[in-house]
Amino acid sequence: MDARLLETAGPGRYRFHDLVGLYAREQDVPDEERAGAVARLLDHYLATARRASALVNGGSVDASLFPAERPGEELATPAPANDWVERERDNLLAAGTAGGA
């Protein structure tokens, strides 16, 4: 059965249907669980952004300055690192805002 819970948002990109988002917002998720999910997301973005920065800038980034508990995406060269930053630009900006809230 094709429930159509996801919609295409671009090449290789998907987003939840609006009704899925509405349903999710109506759920009573404990604050601790919600905060944990946000922390895992921010860790993913931080670790991947740190890796992308090291690749693009030709060196390493001091991990102690920006610690992340989980690994991010594997990026092997500057080209995929630049592609990732370009694809995730809006999400990275939103993550930065969520992290400051």
PDB file of N, CA and C in Angstrom:
ATOM      1  N   MET A   1       0.842  -1.176   0.000  1.00  0.00           N
ATOM      2  CA  MET A   1       0.000   0.000   0.000  1.00  0.00           C
ATOM      3  C   MET A   1       0.892   1.246   0.000  1.00  0.00           C
ATOM      4  N   ASP A   2       0.559   2.207  -0.802  1.00  0.00           N
ATOM      5  CA  ASP A   2       1.291   3.457  -0.913  1.00  0.00           C
ATOM      6  C   ASP A   2       0.533   4.522  -0.138  1.00  0.00           C
ATOM      7  N   ALA A   3       0.999   4.841   1.082  1.00  0.00           N
ATOM      8  CA  ALA A   3       0.298   5.780   1.952  1.00  0.00           C
ATOM      9  C   ALA A   3       0.632   7.235   1.630  1.00  0.00           C
ATOM     10  N   ARG A   4       1.672   7.462   0.830  1.00  0.00           N
ATOM     11  CA  ARG A   4       2.078   8.812   0.440  1.00  0.00           C
ATOM     12  C   ARG A   4       2.349   9.713   1.650  1.00  0.00           C
ATOM     13  N   LEU A   5       3.123   9.200   2.591  1.00  0.00           N
ATOM     14  CA  LEU A   5       3.486   9.979   3.764  1.00  0.00           C
ATOM     15  C   LEU A   5       4.619  10.956   3.469  1.00  0.00           C
ATOM     16  N   LEU A   6       5.377  10.670   2.398  1.00  0.00           N
ATOM     17  CA  LEU A   6       6.473  11.544   1.991  1.00  0.00           C
ATOM     18  C   LEU A   6       6.171  12.168   0.643  1.00  0.00           C
ATOM     19  N   GLU A   7       6.681  13.377   0.453  1.00  0.00           N
ATOM     20  CA  GLU A   7       6.569  14.074  -0.821  1.00  0.00           C
ATOM     21  C   GLU A   7       7.974  14.379  -1.316  1.00  0.00           C
ATOM     22  N   THR A   8       8.151  14.458  -2.608  1.00  0.00           N
ATOM     23  CA  THR A   8       9.439  14.815  -3.175  1.00  0.00           C
ATOM     24  C   THR A   8       9.663  16.311  -2.987  1.00  0.00           C
ATOM     25  N   ALA A   9      10.849  16.644  -2.481  1.00  0.00           N
ATOM     26  CA  ALA A   9      11.189  18.051  -2.258  1.00  0.00           C
ATOM     27  C   ALA A   9      12.332  18.484  -3.171  1.00  0.00           C
ATOM     28  N   GLY A  10      12.748  17.612  -4.058  1.00  0.00           N
ATOM     29  CA  GLY A  10      13.856  17.881  -4.962  1.00  0.00           C
ATOM     30  C   GLY A  10      14.580  16.581  -5.228  1.00  0.00           C
ATOM     31  N   PRO A  11      15.588  16.613  -6.073  1.00  0.00           N
ATOM     32  CA  PRO A  11      16.327  15.389  -6.365  1.00  0.00           C
ATOM     33  C   PRO A  11      16.951  14.789  -5.107  1.00  0.00           C
ATOM     34  N   GLY A  12      16.528  13.590  -4.761  1.00  0.00           N
ATOM     35  CA  GLY A  12      17.056  12.901  -3.597  1.00  0.00           C
ATOM     36  C   GLY A  12      16.622  13.489  -2.266  1.00  0.00           C
ATOM     37  N   ARG A  13      15.634  14.364  -2.265  1.00  0.00           N
ATOM     38  CA  ARG A  13      15.164  15.028  -1.056  1.00  0.00           C
ATOM     39  C   ARG A  13      13.677  14.753  -0.882  1.00  0.00           C
ATOM     40  N   TYR A  14      13.292  14.510   0.364  1.00  0.00           N
ATOM     41  CA  TYR A  14      11.893  14.221   0.666  1.00  0.00           C
ATOM     42  C   TYR A  14      11.463  14.989   1.899  1.00  0.00           C
ATOM     43  N   ARG A  15      10.179  15.200   2.024  1.00  0.00           N
ATOM     44  CA  ARG A  15       9.627  15.825   3.225  1.00  0.00           C
ATOM     45  C   ARG A  15       8.321  15.128   3.556  1.00  0.00           C
ATOM     46  N   PHE A  16       7.941  15.218   4.816  1.00  0.00           N
ATOM     47  CA  PHE A  16       6.685  14.618   5.238  1.00  0.00           C
ATOM     48  C   PHE A  16       5.511  15.410   4.677  1.00  0.00           C
ATOM     49  N   HIS A  17       4.433  14.717   4.388  1.00  0.00           N
ATOM     50  CA  HIS A  17       3.199  15.363   3.977  1.00  0.00           C
ATOM     51  C   HIS A  17       2.741  16.272   5.109  1.00  0.00           C
ATOM     52  N   ASP A  18       2.071  17.367   4.789  1.00  0.00           N
ATOM     53  CA  ASP A  18       1.610  18.325   5.803  1.00  0.00           C
ATOM     54  C   ASP A  18       0.765  17.672   6.892  1.00  0.00           C
ATOM     55  N   LEU A  19      -0.036  16.684   6.526  1.00  0.00           N
ATOM     56  CA  LEU A  19      -0.889  16.033   7.524  1.00  0.00           C
ATOM     57  C   LEU A  19      -0.064  15.233   8.538  1.00  0.00           C
ATOM     58  N   VAL A  20       1.081  14.700   8.115  1.00  0.00           N
ATOM     59  CA  VAL A  20       1.959  13.988   9.048  1.00  0.00           C
ATOM     60  C   VAL A  20       2.528  14.978  10.062  1.00  0.00           C
ATOM     61  N   GLY A  21       2.936  16.148   9.592  1.00  0.00           N
ATOM     62  CA  GLY A  21       3.434  17.183  10.495  1.00  0.00           C
ATOM     63  C   GLY A  21       2.375  17.648  11.467  1.00  0.00           C
ATOM     64  N   LEU A  22       1.161  17.817  10.988  1.00  0.00           N
ATOM     65  CA  LEU A  22       0.056  18.218  11.860  1.00  0.00           C
ATOM     66  C   LEU A  22      -0.192  17.163  12.933  1.00  0.00           C
ATOM     67  N   TYR A  23      -0.222  15.916  12.531  1.00  0.00           N
ATOM     68  CA  TYR A  23      -0.403  14.824  13.484  1.00  0.00           C
ATOM     69  C   TYR A  23       0.721  14.814  14.522  1.00  0.00           C
ATOM     70  N   ALA A  24       1.958  14.984  14.064  1.00  0.00           N
ATOM     71  CA  ALA A  24       3.107  14.959  14.981  1.00  0.00           C
ATOM     72  C   ALA A  24       3.014  16.095  15.997  1.00  0.00           C
ATOM     73  N   ARG A  25       2.595  17.289  15.546  1.00  0.00           N
ATOM     74  CA  ARG A  25       2.483  18.418  16.466  1.00  0.00           C
ATOM     75  C   ARG A  25       1.399  18.199  17.511  1.00  0.00           C
ATOM     76  N   GLU A  26       0.396  17.401  17.190  1.00  0.00           N
ATOM     77  CA  GLU A  26      -0.701  17.146  18.121  1.00  0.00           C
ATOM     78  C   GLU A  26      -0.356  16.095  19.174  1.00  0.00           C
ATOM     79  N   GLN A  27       0.754  15.384  18.987  1.00  0.00           N
ATOM     80  CA  GLN A  27       1.124  14.330  19.928  1.00  0.00           C
ATOM     81  C   GLN A  27       1.734  14.930  21.191  1.00  0.00           C
ATOM     82  N   ASP A  28       1.455  14.283  22.313  1.00  0.00           N
ATOM     83  CA  ASP A  28       1.998  14.727  23.587  1.00  0.00           C
ATOM     84  C   ASP A  28       3.324  14.012  23.829  1.00  0.00           C
ATOM     85  N   VAL A  29       4.399  14.612  23.325  1.00  0.00           N
ATOM     86  CA  VAL A  29       5.735  14.029  23.475  1.00  0.00           C
ATOM     87  C   VAL A  29       6.388  14.680  24.688  1.00  0.00           C
ATOM     88  N   PRO A  30       6.874  13.877  25.618  1.00  0.00           N
ATOM     89  CA  PRO A  30       7.525  14.445  26.806  1.00  0.00           C
ATOM     90  C   PRO A  30       8.693  15.356  26.405  1.00  0.00           C
ATOM     91  N   ASP A  31       8.870  16.433  27.158  1.00  0.00           N
ATOM     92  CA  ASP A  31       9.934  17.398  26.854  1.00  0.00           C
ATOM     93  C   ASP A  31      11.300  16.735  26.783  1.00  0.00           C
ATOM     94  N   GLU A  32      11.563  15.780  27.656  1.00  0.00           N
ATOM     95  CA  GLU A  32      12.858  15.095  27.673  1.00  0.00           C
ATOM     96  C   GLU A  32      13.099  14.326  26.371  1.00  0.00           C
ATOM     97  N   GLU A  33      12.072  13.665  25.885  1.00  0.00           N
ATOM     98  CA  GLU A  33      12.181  12.912  24.632  1.00  0.00           C
ATOM     99  C   GLU A  33      12.380  13.854  23.449  1.00  0.00           C
ATOM    100  N   ARG A  34      11.636  14.944  23.430  1.00  0.00           N
ATOM    101  CA  ARG A  34      11.761  15.939  22.354  1.00  0.00           C
ATOM    102  C   ARG A  34      13.165  16.550  22.370  1.00  0.00           C
ATOM    103  N   ALA A  35      13.646  16.910  23.553  1.00  0.00           N
ATOM    104  CA  ALA A  35      14.982  17.505  23.674  1.00  0.00           C
ATOM    105  C   ALA A  35      16.061  16.521  23.228  1.00  0.00           C
ATOM    106  N   GLY A  36      15.892  15.246  23.530  1.00  0.00           N
ATOM    107  CA  GLY A  36      16.847  14.231  23.102  1.00  0.00           C
ATOM    108  C   GLY A  36      16.903  14.110  21.591  1.00  0.00           C
ATOM    109  N   ALA A  37      15.744  14.164  20.946  1.00  0.00           N
ATOM    110  CA  ALA A  37      15.700  14.081  19.479  1.00  0.00           C
ATOM    111  C   ALA A  37      16.384  15.291  18.853  1.00  0.00           C
ATOM    112  N   VAL A  38      16.140  16.470  19.398  1.00  0.00           N
ATOM    113  CA  VAL A  38      16.781  17.681  18.878  1.00  0.00           C
ATOM    114  C   VAL A  38      18.286  17.602  19.082  1.00  0.00           C
ATOM    115  N   ALA A  39      18.724  17.125  20.238  1.00  0.00           N
ATOM    116  CA  ALA A  39      20.159  17.000  20.514  1.00  0.00           C
ATOM    117  C   ALA A  39      20.830  16.045  19.529  1.00  0.00           C
ATOM    118  N   ARG A  40      20.182  14.926  19.215  1.00  0.00           N
ATOM    119  CA  ARG A  40      20.756  13.971  18.249  1.00  0.00           C
ATOM    120  C   ARG A  40      20.860  14.597  16.864  1.00  0.00           C
ATOM    121  N   LEU A  41      19.854  15.351  16.469  1.00  0.00           N
ATOM    122  CA  LEU A  41      19.878  16.031  15.174  1.00  0.00           C
ATOM    123  C   LEU A  41      21.006  17.057  15.128  1.00  0.00           C
ATOM    124  N   LEU A  42      21.122  17.859  16.179  1.00  0.00           N
ATOM    125  CA  LEU A  42      22.169  18.873  16.212  1.00  0.00           C
ATOM    126  C   LEU A  42      23.559  18.238  16.224  1.00  0.00           C
ATOM    127  N   ASP A  43      23.712  17.123  16.921  1.00  0.00           N
ATOM    128  CA  ASP A  43      24.991  16.399  16.913  1.00  0.00           C
ATOM    129  C   ASP A  43      25.355  15.953  15.501  1.00  0.00           C
ATOM    130  N   HIS A  44      24.385  15.428  14.783  1.00  0.00           N
ATOM    131  CA  HIS A  44      24.619  14.983  13.405  1.00  0.00           C
ATOM    132  C   HIS A  44      25.091  16.151  12.539  1.00  0.00           C
ATOM    133  N   TYR A  45      24.378  17.265  12.614  1.00  0.00           N
ATOM    134  CA  TYR A  45      24.764  18.421  11.812  1.00  0.00           C
ATOM    135  C   TYR A  45      26.118  18.972  12.229  1.00  0.00           C
ATOM    136  N   LEU A  46      26.382  19.032  13.519  1.00  0.00           N
ATOM    137  CA  LEU A  46      27.655  19.555  13.999  1.00  0.00           C
ATOM    138  C   LEU A  46      28.821  18.690  13.529  1.00  0.00           C
ATOM    139  N   ALA A  47      28.698  17.381  13.706  1.00  0.00           N
ATOM    140  CA  ALA A  47      29.780  16.484  13.304  1.00  0.00           C
ATOM    141  C   ALA A  47      30.016  16.539  11.795  1.00  0.00           C
ATOM    142  N   THR A  48      28.955  16.588  11.016  1.00  0.00           N
ATOM    143  CA  THR A  48      29.108  16.632   9.562  1.00  0.00           C
ATOM    144  C   THR A  48      29.660  17.975   9.117  1.00  0.00           C
ATOM    145  N   ALA A  49      29.197  19.055   9.724  1.00  0.00           N
ATOM    146  CA  ALA A  49      29.707  20.387   9.370  1.00  0.00           C
ATOM    147  C   ALA A  49      31.183  20.507   9.736  1.00  0.00           C
ATOM    148  N   ARG A  50      31.579  19.936  10.860  1.00  0.00           N
ATOM    149  CA  ARG A  50      32.985  19.956  11.261  1.00  0.00           C
ATOM    150  C   ARG A  50      33.827  19.211  10.226  1.00  0.00           C
ATOM    151  N   ARG A  51      33.349  18.052   9.774  1.00  0.00           N
ATOM    152  CA  ARG A  51      34.063  17.263   8.759  1.00  0.00           C
ATOM    153  C   ARG A  51      34.133  18.027   7.440  1.00  0.00           C
ATOM    154  N   ALA A  52      33.023  18.639   7.036  1.00  0.00           N
ATOM    155  CA  ALA A  52      32.996  19.407   5.787  1.00  0.00           C
ATOM    156  C   ALA A  52      33.974  20.577   5.865  1.00  0.00           C
ATOM    157  N   SER A  53      34.005  21.251   6.985  1.00  0.00           N
ATOM    158  CA  SER A  53      34.917  22.379   7.162  1.00  0.00           C
ATOM    159  C   SER A  53      36.368  21.936   7.048  1.00  0.00           C
ATOM    160  N   ALA A  54      36.704  20.829   7.670  1.00  0.00           N
ATOM    161  CA  ALA A  54      38.077  20.322   7.599  1.00  0.00           C
ATOM    162  C   ALA A  54      38.462  19.984   6.163  1.00  0.00           C
ATOM    163  N   LEU A  55      37.547  19.385   5.417  1.00  0.00           N
ATOM    164  CA  LEU A  55      37.839  19.021   4.028  1.00  0.00           C
ATOM    165  C   LEU A  55      37.991  20.250   3.146  1.00  0.00           C
ATOM    166  N   VAL A  56      37.087  21.186   3.293  1.00  0.00           N
ATOM    167  CA  VAL A  56      37.099  22.374   2.438  1.00  0.00           C
ATOM    168  C   VAL A  56      38.279  23.283   2.765  1.00  0.00           C
ATOM    169  N   ASN A  57      38.634  23.366   4.035  1.00  0.00           N
ATOM    170  CA  ASN A  57      39.715  24.256   4.448  1.00  0.00           C
ATOM    171  C   ASN A  57      41.072  23.580   4.479  1.00  0.00           C
ATOM    172  N   GLY A  58      41.133  22.314   4.078  1.00  0.00           N
ATOM    173  CA  GLY A  58      42.402  21.616   3.958  1.00  0.00           C
ATOM    174  C   GLY A  58      43.098  21.292   5.265  1.00  0.00           C
ATOM    175  N   GLY A  59      42.368  21.098   6.304  1.00  0.00           N
ATOM    176  CA  GLY A  59      42.978  20.759   7.582  1.00  0.00           C
ATOM    177  C   GLY A  59      41.943  20.144   8.496  1.00  0.00           C
ATOM    178  N   SER A  60      42.275  20.070   9.746  1.00  0.00           N
ATOM    179  CA  SER A  60      41.323  19.512  10.689  1.00  0.00           C
ATOM    180  C   SER A  60      40.763  20.628  11.562  1.00  0.00           C
ATOM    181  N   VAL A  61      39.623  20.368  12.147  1.00  0.00           N
ATOM    182  CA  VAL A  61      38.994  21.298  13.074  1.00  0.00           C
ATOM    183  C   VAL A  61      39.142  20.693  14.457  1.00  0.00           C
ATOM    184  N   ASP A  62      39.549  21.490  15.411  1.00  0.00           N
ATOM    185  CA  ASP A  62      39.729  21.016  16.778  1.00  0.00           C
ATOM    186  C   ASP A  62      38.388  20.530  17.318  1.00  0.00           C
ATOM    187  N   ALA A  63      38.240  19.209  17.426  1.00  0.00           N
ATOM    188  CA  ALA A  63      36.969  18.607  17.863  1.00  0.00           C
ATOM    189  C   ALA A  63      36.597  19.022  19.275  1.00  0.00           C
ATOM    190  N   SER A  64      37.573  19.409  20.092  1.00  0.00           N
ATOM    191  CA  SER A  64      37.252  19.801  21.462  1.00  0.00           C
ATOM    192  C   SER A  64      36.507  21.131  21.500  1.00  0.00           C
ATOM    193  N   LEU A  65      36.653  21.936  20.439  1.00  0.00           N
ATOM    194  CA  LEU A  65      35.927  23.204  20.382  1.00  0.00           C
ATOM    195  C   LEU A  65      34.450  23.001  20.073  1.00  0.00           C
ATOM    196  N   PHE A  66      34.156  21.982  19.305  1.00  0.00           N
ATOM    197  CA  PHE A  66      32.790  21.699  18.895  1.00  0.00           C
ATOM    198  C   PHE A  66      32.509  20.214  19.079  1.00  0.00           C
ATOM    199  N   PRO A  67      32.381  19.746  20.312  1.00  0.00           N
ATOM    200  CA  PRO A  67      32.204  18.311  20.527  1.00  0.00           C
ATOM    201  C   PRO A  67      30.834  17.813  20.065  1.00  0.00           C
ATOM    202  N   ALA A  68      30.829  16.659  19.462  1.00  0.00           N
ATOM    203  CA  ALA A  68      29.592  15.989  19.047  1.00  0.00           C
ATOM    204  C   ALA A  68      29.678  14.550  19.544  1.00  0.00           C
ATOM    205  N   GLU A  69      28.574  14.047  20.062  1.00  0.00           N
ATOM    206  CA  GLU A  69      28.560  12.696  20.632  1.00  0.00           C
ATOM    207  C   GLU A  69      28.411  11.609  19.587  1.00  0.00           C
ATOM    208  N   ARG A  70      27.923  11.957  18.410  1.00  0.00           N
ATOM    209  CA  ARG A  70      27.684  10.965  17.366  1.00  0.00           C
ATOM    210  C   ARG A  70      28.403  11.381  16.088  1.00  0.00           C
ATOM    211  N   PRO A  71      28.746  10.421  15.259  1.00  0.00           N
ATOM    212  CA  PRO A  71      29.401  10.783  13.993  1.00  0.00           C
ATOM    213  C   PRO A  71      28.387  11.384  13.020  1.00  0.00           C
ATOM    214  N   GLY A  72      28.884  12.181  12.129  1.00  0.00           N
ATOM    215  CA  GLY A  72      28.040  12.736  11.078  1.00  0.00           C
ATOM    216  C   GLY A  72      28.168  11.907   9.813  1.00  0.00           C
ATOM    217  N   GLU A  73      27.811  12.516   8.703  1.00  0.00           N
ATOM    218  CA  GLU A  73      27.924  11.829   7.413  1.00  0.00           C
ATOM    219  C   GLU A  73      29.396  11.686   7.027  1.00  0.00           C
ATOM    220  N   GLU A  74      29.695  10.619   6.316  1.00  0.00           N
ATOM    221  CA  GLU A  74      31.043  10.400   5.803  1.00  0.00           C
ATOM    222  C   GLU A  74      31.203  11.222   4.529  1.00  0.00           C
ATOM    223  N   LEU A  75      32.112  12.143   4.549  1.00  0.00           N
ATOM    224  CA  LEU A  75      32.422  12.961   3.381  1.00  0.00           C
ATOM    225  C   LEU A  75      33.895  12.731   3.075  1.00  0.00           C
ATOM    226  N   ALA A  76      34.203  12.333   1.855  1.00  0.00           N
ATOM    227  CA  ALA A  76      35.568  11.922   1.538  1.00  0.00           C
ATOM    228  C   ALA A  76      36.437  13.033   0.949  1.00  0.00           C
ATOM    229  N   THR A  77      35.820  13.955   0.233  1.00  0.00           N
ATOM    230  CA  THR A  77      36.592  15.002  -0.441  1.00  0.00           C
ATOM    231  C   THR A  77      35.841  16.329  -0.332  1.00  0.00           C
ATOM    232  N   PRO A  78      36.492  17.434  -0.699  1.00  0.00           N
ATOM    233  CA  PRO A  78      35.811  18.729  -0.629  1.00  0.00           C
ATOM    234  C   PRO A  78      34.547  18.829  -1.492  1.00  0.00           C
ATOM    235  N   ALA A  79      34.513  18.151  -2.628  1.00  0.00           N
ATOM    236  CA  ALA A  79      33.337  18.254  -3.505  1.00  0.00           C
ATOM    237  C   ALA A  79      32.056  17.776  -2.809  1.00  0.00           C
ATOM    238  N   PRO A  80      32.027  16.557  -2.227  1.00  0.00           N
ATOM    239  CA  PRO A  80      30.817  16.160  -1.532  1.00  0.00           C
ATOM    240  C   PRO A  80      30.551  17.009  -0.287  1.00  0.00           C
ATOM    241  N   ALA A  81      31.615  17.537   0.326  1.00  0.00           N
ATOM    242  CA  ALA A  81      31.434  18.413   1.492  1.00  0.00           C
ATOM    243  C   ALA A  81      30.705  19.688   1.078  1.00  0.00           C
ATOM    244  N   ASN A  82      31.134  20.290  -0.034  1.00  0.00           N
ATOM    245  CA  ASN A  82      30.452  21.487  -0.535  1.00  0.00           C
ATOM    246  C   ASN A  82      29.019  21.179  -0.935  1.00  0.00           C
ATOM    247  N   ASP A  83      28.809  20.040  -1.579  1.00  0.00           N
ATOM    248  CA  ASP A  83      27.457  19.638  -1.974  1.00  0.00           C
ATOM    249  C   ASP A  83      26.561  19.489  -0.754  1.00  0.00           C
ATOM    250  N   TRP A  84      27.094  18.860   0.304  1.00  0.00           N
ATOM    251  CA  TRP A  84      26.308  18.656   1.526  1.00  0.00           C
ATOM    252  C   TRP A  84      25.909  19.994   2.137  1.00  0.00           C
ATOM    253  N   VAL A  85      26.857  20.916   2.239  1.00  0.00           N
ATOM    254  CA  VAL A  85      26.551  22.228   2.818  1.00  0.00           C
ATOM    255  C   VAL A  85      25.489  22.934   1.986  1.00  0.00           C
ATOM    256  N   GLU A  86      25.617  22.864   0.675  1.00  0.00           N
ATOM    257  CA  GLU A  86      24.631  23.509  -0.205  1.00  0.00           C
ATOM    258  C   GLU A  86      23.244  22.893  -0.028  1.00  0.00           C
ATOM    259  N   ARG A  87      23.176  21.566   0.013  1.00  0.00           N
ATOM    260  CA  ARG A  87      21.887  20.872   0.180  1.00  0.00           C
ATOM    261  C   ARG A  87      21.257  21.170   1.532  1.00  0.00           C
ATOM    262  N   GLU A  88      22.085  21.241   2.556  1.00  0.00           N
ATOM    263  CA  GLU A  88      21.590  21.365   3.927  1.00  0.00           C
ATOM    264  C   GLU A  88      21.555  22.792   4.449  1.00  0.00           C
ATOM    265  N   ARG A  89      21.835  23.761   3.610  1.00  0.00           N
ATOM    266  CA  ARG A  89      21.931  25.158   4.050  1.00  0.00           C
ATOM    267  C   ARG A  89      20.736  25.591   4.900  1.00  0.00           C
ATOM    268  N   ASP A  90      19.529  25.407   4.400  1.00  0.00           N
ATOM    269  CA  ASP A  90      18.336  25.829   5.146  1.00  0.00           C
ATOM    270  C   ASP A  90      18.203  25.069   6.465  1.00  0.00           C
ATOM    271  N   ASN A  91      18.503  23.766   6.423  1.00  0.00           N
ATOM    272  CA  ASN A  91      18.414  22.963   7.642  1.00  0.00           C
ATOM    273  C   ASN A  91      19.476  23.381   8.657  1.00  0.00           C
ATOM    274  N   LEU A  92      20.670  23.717   8.182  1.00  0.00           N
ATOM    275  CA  LEU A  92      21.731  24.162   9.090  1.00  0.00           C
ATOM    276  C   LEU A  92      21.352  25.480   9.762  1.00  0.00           C
ATOM    277  N   LEU A  93      20.769  26.380   9.000  1.00  0.00           N
ATOM    278  CA  LEU A  93      20.322  27.648   9.596  1.00  0.00           C
ATOM    279  C   LEU A  93      19.225  27.403  10.624  1.00  0.00           C
ATOM    280  N   ALA A  94      18.291  26.511  10.303  1.00  0.00           N
ATOM    281  CA  ALA A  94      17.217  26.185  11.247  1.00  0.00           C
ATOM    282  C   ALA A  94      17.783  25.488  12.476  1.00  0.00           C
ATOM    283  N   ALA A  95      18.759  24.611  12.284  1.00  0.00           N
ATOM    284  CA  ALA A  95      19.371  23.905  13.414  1.00  0.00           C
ATOM    285  C   ALA A  95      20.087  24.878  14.334  1.00  0.00           C
ATOM    286  N   GLY A  96      20.745  25.868  13.747  1.00  0.00           N
ATOM    287  CA  GLY A  96      21.408  26.892  14.553  1.00  0.00           C
ATOM    288  C   GLY A  96      20.422  27.674  15.392  1.00  0.00           C
ATOM    289  N   THR A  97      19.259  27.945  14.840  1.00  0.00           N
ATOM    290  CA  THR A  97      18.214  28.642  15.573  1.00  0.00           C
ATOM    291  C   THR A  97      17.642  27.748  16.671  1.00  0.00           C
ATOM    292  N   ALA A  98      17.436  26.464  16.356  1.00  0.00           N
ATOM    293  CA  ALA A  98      16.888  25.514  17.354  1.00  0.00           C
ATOM    294  C   ALA A  98      17.868  25.322  18.483  1.00  0.00           C
ATOM    295  N   GLY A  99      19.156  25.310  18.171  1.00  0.00           N
ATOM    296  CA  GLY A  99      20.171  25.099  19.198  1.00  0.00           C
ATOM    297  C   GLY A  99      20.271  26.263  20.159  1.00  0.00           C
ATOM    298  N   GLY A 100      19.878  27.459  19.694  1.00  0.00           N
ATOM    299  CA  GLY A 100      19.943  28.622  20.558  1.00  0.00           C
ATOM    300  C   GLY A 100      18.688  28.836  21.359  1.00  0.00           C
ATOM    301  N   ALA A 101      17.664  28.048  21.079  1.00  0.00           N
ATOM    302  CA  ALA A 101      16.376  28.237  21.773  1.00  0.00           C
ATOM    303  C   ALA A 101      16.389  27.616  23.150  1.00  0.00           C
TER     304      ALA A 101
END
